[in-house]
Amino acid sequence: QVQLVESGGGLVQPGGSLRLSCTASGSISSIYTIGWYRQAPGKQRELVAGFIGGGTAHYADSVKGRFTISRDNAKNTLYLQMNSLKVEDTAVYYCAIDRVIRGKGTQVTVSS
């Protein structure tokens, strides 16, 4: 079973940017449903961005125009470029395959 390791989180000011990486222990080239979720304290986990069924990327309405998901199959890595960050983006971010989270997540904190 492919395991995932998220990285790239940190503390950033509102309006700043971060790029998250999710590195898989095996090939992701044949994985069609893969994406990023997040969970803030006291809130339900939500899908932030993902490739669903091998099609185009899908985004939560709250991040459209600010976040971009991408993948590098040669590096077995999924990315999430996050721009114009807001305080409400603060959460633990996880990547998932077939909607199953397989990593420990990376903390993103947006604060002045």
Foldseek 3Di string as FASTA:
>chain_A
DKAKEKDWADEAAQQAKIKMKIAIPDFCPPFQWKAKWWDDPPDDIDTAWIRHRNDDMDGDPVQPPFWDWDDDRVRRMIMIIGGRDDQVVFTFMFMDGPPHTRYDTDTHGYHD
